[in-house]
Amino acid sequence: MALSFFDQFSLTAFMGIPLIALALTLPWILYPNPQTRCLNNRLLTLQAWSIRQFTHQLFLPINLNGHKWALLLASFLILLITLNLLGILPYTFTPTTQLSMNMGFATPLWLATVLIGARYQPTHTLAHLLPTGTPTPLIPVLITIETVSLFIRPIALGVRLTANLTAGHLLIQLISTATFYLLFIMPITSALTTILLLLLSILELAVATIQAYVFVLLVSLYLQESI
């Protein structure tokens, strides 16, 4: 029974096609394409308004050089939110519970921010490794600590997203399993557990959205430091 709880996170294939590839590509068909007409429907209007508000809030403290990342980060946020929310549905696969895939997302974005800072502001980038006014004996120690903290950023991004989503999925499965077994033994307790399961599912929806936003927000903060 303990092993079956983790079966939902295993990589599977259907007719030789990895399900993780389908889970990454098929969600895009859920979003309508903008039309060239002057009048659009309410869904397109809401979609455009949401993207515009997110982009405005995210890039408000960043200078104009960083606005080139607006399309990339907005699209990436939509992808993460869609994958996280669809993964809560029964009998679905959540690609963002795979640490390898989250590290594949985090590492190139983090490396791009570091390379941009090293190219356009090398002095400012190196200054982050040593705070102003540091005593001379502490200089090697602080440089080592700041270097480690710099290289640990993509790991923190990937582990944070994986851990939060995996913990939520496991907790939902544990409570749903307990609800099913208590249904024939203690119906009243099972009903209370069902209410708890519904509240936890609502909380998981919020966590899925917030974690996607935090991931992109941290990338934008790294970008802000570089430019």
Protein backbone atom coordinates (compact mmCIF):
# COMPACT_ATOMS: atom_id res chain seq x y z
CA MET A 1 0.00 0.00 0.00
CA ALA A 2 2.86 2.39 0.80
CA LEU A 3 4.33 1.95 -2.66
CA SER A 4 1.01 2.43 -4.46
CA PHE A 5 0.75 5.99 -3.18
CA PHE A 6 3.76 6.92 -5.30
CA ASP A 7 2.57 5.20 -8.46
CA GLN A 8 0.92 8.43 -9.61
CA PHE A 9 4.36 10.03 -9.92
CA SER A 10 5.92 7.26 -12.02
CA LEU A 11 6.69 7.96 -15.67
CA THR A 12 4.51 5.82 -17.92
CA ALA A 13 4.02 5.45 -21.67
CA PHE A 14 1.01 4.68 -23.84
CA MET A 15 1.61 2.97 -27.20
CA GLY A 16 5.26 3.91 -26.96
CA ILE A 17 4.52 7.61 -26.37
CA PRO A 18 5.66 9.01 -22.98
CA LEU A 19 2.70 10.52 -21.16
CA ILE A 20 4.86 13.38 -19.96
CA ALA A 21 5.21 14.55 -23.57
CA LEU A 22 1.43 14.54 -24.01
CA ALA A 23 0.93 16.29 -20.69
CA LEU A 24 3.26 19.09 -21.79
CA THR A 25 1.78 19.64 -25.25
CA LEU A 26 -1.95 18.97 -25.03
CA PRO A 27 -2.85 21.68 -22.43
CA TRP A 28 -2.12 24.38 -25.00
CA ILE A 29 -5.23 23.42 -26.98
CA LEU A 30 -7.37 24.56 -24.04
CA TYR A 31 -6.52 28.20 -24.66
CA PRO A 32 -8.25 30.08 -27.47
CA ASN A 33 -6.19 31.84 -30.10
CA PRO A 34 -6.57 35.62 -30.45
CA GLN A 35 -8.57 36.72 -33.46
CA THR A 36 -7.77 39.50 -35.91
CA ARG A 37 -11.28 40.87 -35.56
CA CYS A 38 -12.01 43.91 -33.45
CA LEU A 39 -14.57 42.09 -31.30
CA ASN A 40 -13.54 39.06 -29.24
CA ASN A 41 -15.46 36.89 -26.80
CA ARG A 42 -15.35 37.23 -23.04
CA LEU A 43 -12.86 34.39 -22.60
CA LEU A 44 -10.29 36.04 -24.86
CA THR A 45 -10.85 39.37 -23.12
CA LEU A 46 -10.34 37.79 -19.69
CA GLN A 47 -7.26 35.95 -20.90
CA ALA A 48 -5.69 39.09 -22.35
CA TRP A 49 -6.54 41.12 -19.23
CA SER A 50 -5.00 38.50 -16.90
CA ILE A 51 -1.78 38.30 -18.90
CA ARG A 52 -1.54 42.08 -19.10
CA GLN A 53 -2.05 42.53 -15.34
CA PHE A 54 0.48 39.83 -14.49
CA THR A 55 3.09 41.24 -16.86
CA HIS A 56 2.58 44.75 -15.51
CA GLN A 57 2.97 43.70 -11.86
CA LEU A 58 5.92 41.42 -12.54
CA PHE A 59 7.98 43.85 -14.61
CA LEU A 60 7.08 47.03 -12.73
CA PRO A 61 10.39 47.17 -10.77
CA ILE A 62 12.49 46.00 -13.75
CA ASN A 63 14.00 48.43 -16.25
CA LEU A 64 13.25 48.42 -19.95
CA ASN A 65 16.06 46.01 -20.80
CA GLY A 66 14.32 43.27 -18.85
CA HIS A 67 10.96 43.76 -20.58
CA LYS A 68 12.17 41.50 -23.38
CA TRP A 69 11.49 38.61 -21.01
CA ALA A 70 7.80 39.49 -20.67
CA LEU A 71 6.53 37.10 -23.33
CA LEU A 72 8.71 34.22 -22.10
CA LEU A 73 7.80 34.53 -18.43
CA ALA A 74 4.10 35.14 -19.10
CA SER A 75 3.91 32.06 -21.32
CA PHE A 76 5.85 30.02 -18.79
CA LEU A 77 3.51 31.08 -15.99
CA ILE A 78 0.47 30.02 -18.01
CA LEU A 79 2.11 26.67 -18.75
CA LEU A 80 2.95 26.02 -15.09
CA ILE A 81 -0.51 27.00 -13.83
CA THR A 82 -2.18 24.82 -16.45
CA LEU A 83 -0.02 21.79 -15.68
CA ASN A 84 -0.48 22.19 -11.93
CA LEU A 85 -4.25 22.61 -12.08
CA LEU A 86 -4.81 19.80 -14.58
CA GLY A 87 -2.73 17.50 -12.41
CA ILE A 88 -5.27 17.78 -9.59
CA LEU A 89 -7.93 16.11 -11.72
CA PRO A 90 -8.40 12.36 -11.16
CA TYR A 91 -6.49 9.95 -13.41
CA THR A 92 -4.18 12.67 -14.71
CA PHE A 93 -0.41 12.96 -14.72
CA THR A 94 1.33 16.02 -13.27
CA PRO A 95 4.67 16.67 -15.02
CA THR A 96 5.64 19.31 -12.44
CA THR A 97 5.94 16.64 -9.74
CA GLN A 98 9.06 15.37 -11.53
CA LEU A 99 12.19 16.95 -10.09
CA SER A 100 14.16 16.33 -13.27
CA MET A 101 11.69 18.32 -15.36
CA ASN A 102 11.49 21.18 -12.86
CA MET A 103 15.28 21.35 -12.80
CA GLY A 104 15.18 21.41 -16.59
CA PHE A 105 12.92 24.46 -16.34
CA ALA A 106 14.85 26.22 -13.59
CA THR A 107 18.45 25.72 -14.69
CA PRO A 108 18.30 27.38 -18.16
CA LEU A 109 16.33 30.36 -16.83
CA TRP A 110 18.71 30.86 -13.92
CA LEU A 111 21.76 30.41 -16.16
CA ALA A 112 20.39 32.97 -18.61
CA THR A 113 20.05 35.58 -15.85
CA VAL A 114 23.61 34.90 -14.67
CA LEU A 115 25.05 35.15 -18.19
CA ILE A 116 23.16 38.38 -18.87
CA GLY A 117 24.57 39.90 -15.69
CA ALA A 118 28.08 38.69 -16.47
CA ARG A 119 27.91 40.14 -19.98
CA TYR A 120 26.35 43.55 -19.41
CA GLN A 121 27.29 44.28 -15.77
CA PRO A 122 30.25 42.10 -14.77
CA THR A 123 31.40 44.41 -11.98
CA HIS A 124 27.93 44.62 -10.47
CA THR A 125 27.51 40.86 -10.71
CA LEU A 126 30.79 40.15 -8.94
CA ALA A 127 29.94 42.78 -6.29
CA HIS A 128 27.04 40.59 -5.13
CA LEU A 129 29.56 38.00 -3.96
CA LEU A 130 31.09 40.38 -1.40
CA PRO A 131 28.94 42.77 0.67
CA THR A 132 30.23 46.27 1.30
CA GLY A 133 32.21 46.77 4.50
CA THR A 134 33.14 43.12 4.99
CA PRO A 135 36.11 42.61 7.35
CA THR A 136 39.22 41.27 5.63
CA PRO A 137 39.38 37.92 7.50
CA LEU A 138 35.77 37.14 6.48
CA ILE A 139 36.20 37.86 2.78
CA PRO A 140 37.02 34.24 1.70
CA VAL A 141 34.21 32.84 3.83
CA LEU A 142 31.57 35.25 2.52
CA ILE A 143 32.65 34.79 -1.09
CA THR A 144 32.30 31.03 -0.68
CA ILE A 145 28.88 31.35 0.96
CA GLU A 146 27.57 33.77 -1.68
CA THR A 147 28.89 31.56 -4.50
CA VAL A 148 27.19 28.50 -3.05
CA SER A 149 23.95 30.44 -2.59
CA LEU A 150 24.16 31.58 -6.21
CA PHE A 151 24.56 28.07 -7.58
CA ILE A 152 21.91 26.63 -5.29
CA ARG A 153 19.18 28.87 -6.71
CA PRO A 154 18.05 26.54 -9.53
CA ILE A 155 18.00 23.63 -7.08
CA ALA A 156 15.80 25.63 -4.72
CA LEU A 157 13.44 26.54 -7.56
CA GLY A 158 13.03 22.95 -8.71
CA VAL A 159 12.81 21.37 -5.25
CA ARG A 160 10.29 23.95 -3.99
CA LEU A 161 7.88 23.34 -6.85
CA THR A 162 8.29 19.55 -6.71
CA ALA A 163 7.96 19.26 -2.94
CA ASN A 164 4.84 21.41 -2.63
CA LEU A 165 2.96 19.66 -5.43
CA THR A 166 4.05 16.17 -4.39
CA ALA A 167 3.05 16.77 -0.76
CA GLY A 168 -0.37 18.05 -1.80
CA HIS A 169 -1.04 15.10 -4.10
CA LEU A 170 0.03 12.58 -1.47
CA LEU A 171 -2.11 14.21 1.20
CA ILE A 172 -5.17 14.20 -1.06
CA GLN A 173 -4.63 10.53 -1.88
CA LEU A 174 -4.15 9.58 1.77
CA ILE A 175 -7.33 11.35 2.88
CA SER A 176 -9.36 10.01 -0.04
CA THR A 177 -8.20 6.47 0.75
CA ALA A 178 -9.14 6.92 4.40
CA THR A 179 -12.55 8.29 3.38
CA PHE A 180 -13.24 5.23 1.22
CA TYR A 181 -12.30 2.71 3.92
CA LEU A 182 -14.23 4.58 6.64
CA LEU A 183 -17.38 4.72 4.51
CA PHE A 184 -18.52 1.22 5.53
CA ILE A 185 -17.15 1.30 9.08
CA MET A 186 -17.89 4.81 10.36
CA PRO A 187 -20.13 6.72 7.92
CA ILE A 188 -20.24 9.89 10.02
CA THR A 189 -16.47 10.04 10.25
CA SER A 190 -16.28 9.35 6.53
CA ALA A 191 -18.62 12.29 5.84
CA LEU A 192 -16.45 14.61 7.94
CA THR A 193 -13.37 13.34 6.14
CA THR A 194 -15.07 14.06 2.81
CA ILE A 195 -15.58 17.68 3.86
CA LEU A 196 -11.92 17.85 4.83
CA LEU A 197 -11.01 16.40 1.45
CA LEU A 198 -13.02 19.07 -0.37
CA LEU A 199 -11.38 21.85 1.65
CA LEU A 200 -7.96 20.33 0.98
CA SER A 201 -8.71 20.17 -2.75
CA ILE A 202 -9.59 23.87 -2.75
CA LEU A 203 -6.36 24.60 -0.87
CA GLU A 204 -4.42 22.54 -3.39
CA LEU A 205 -5.88 24.63 -6.22
CA ALA A 206 -4.55 27.74 -4.51
CA VAL A 207 -1.16 26.11 -3.86
CA ALA A 208 -0.86 25.04 -7.51
CA THR A 209 -1.46 28.61 -8.68
CA ILE A 210 0.72 30.25 -6.03
CA GLN A 211 3.68 27.93 -6.61
CA ALA A 212 3.63 28.66 -10.33
CA TYR A 213 3.58 32.39 -9.61
CA VAL A 214 6.39 32.10 -7.02
CA PHE A 215 8.55 30.20 -9.50
CA VAL A 216 8.23 32.89 -12.16
CA LEU A 217 8.50 35.70 -9.58
CA LEU A 218 11.84 34.38 -8.30
CA VAL A 219 13.15 34.15 -11.86
CA SER A 220 12.15 37.77 -12.40
CA LEU A 221 13.96 38.77 -9.19
CA TYR A 222 17.11 37.02 -10.41
CA LEU A 223 16.71 38.90 -13.68
CA GLN A 224 16.32 42.18 -11.82
CA GLU A 225 19.61 41.60 -10.01
CA SER A 226 21.39 40.93 -13.30
CA ILE A 227 20.20 43.96 -15.27
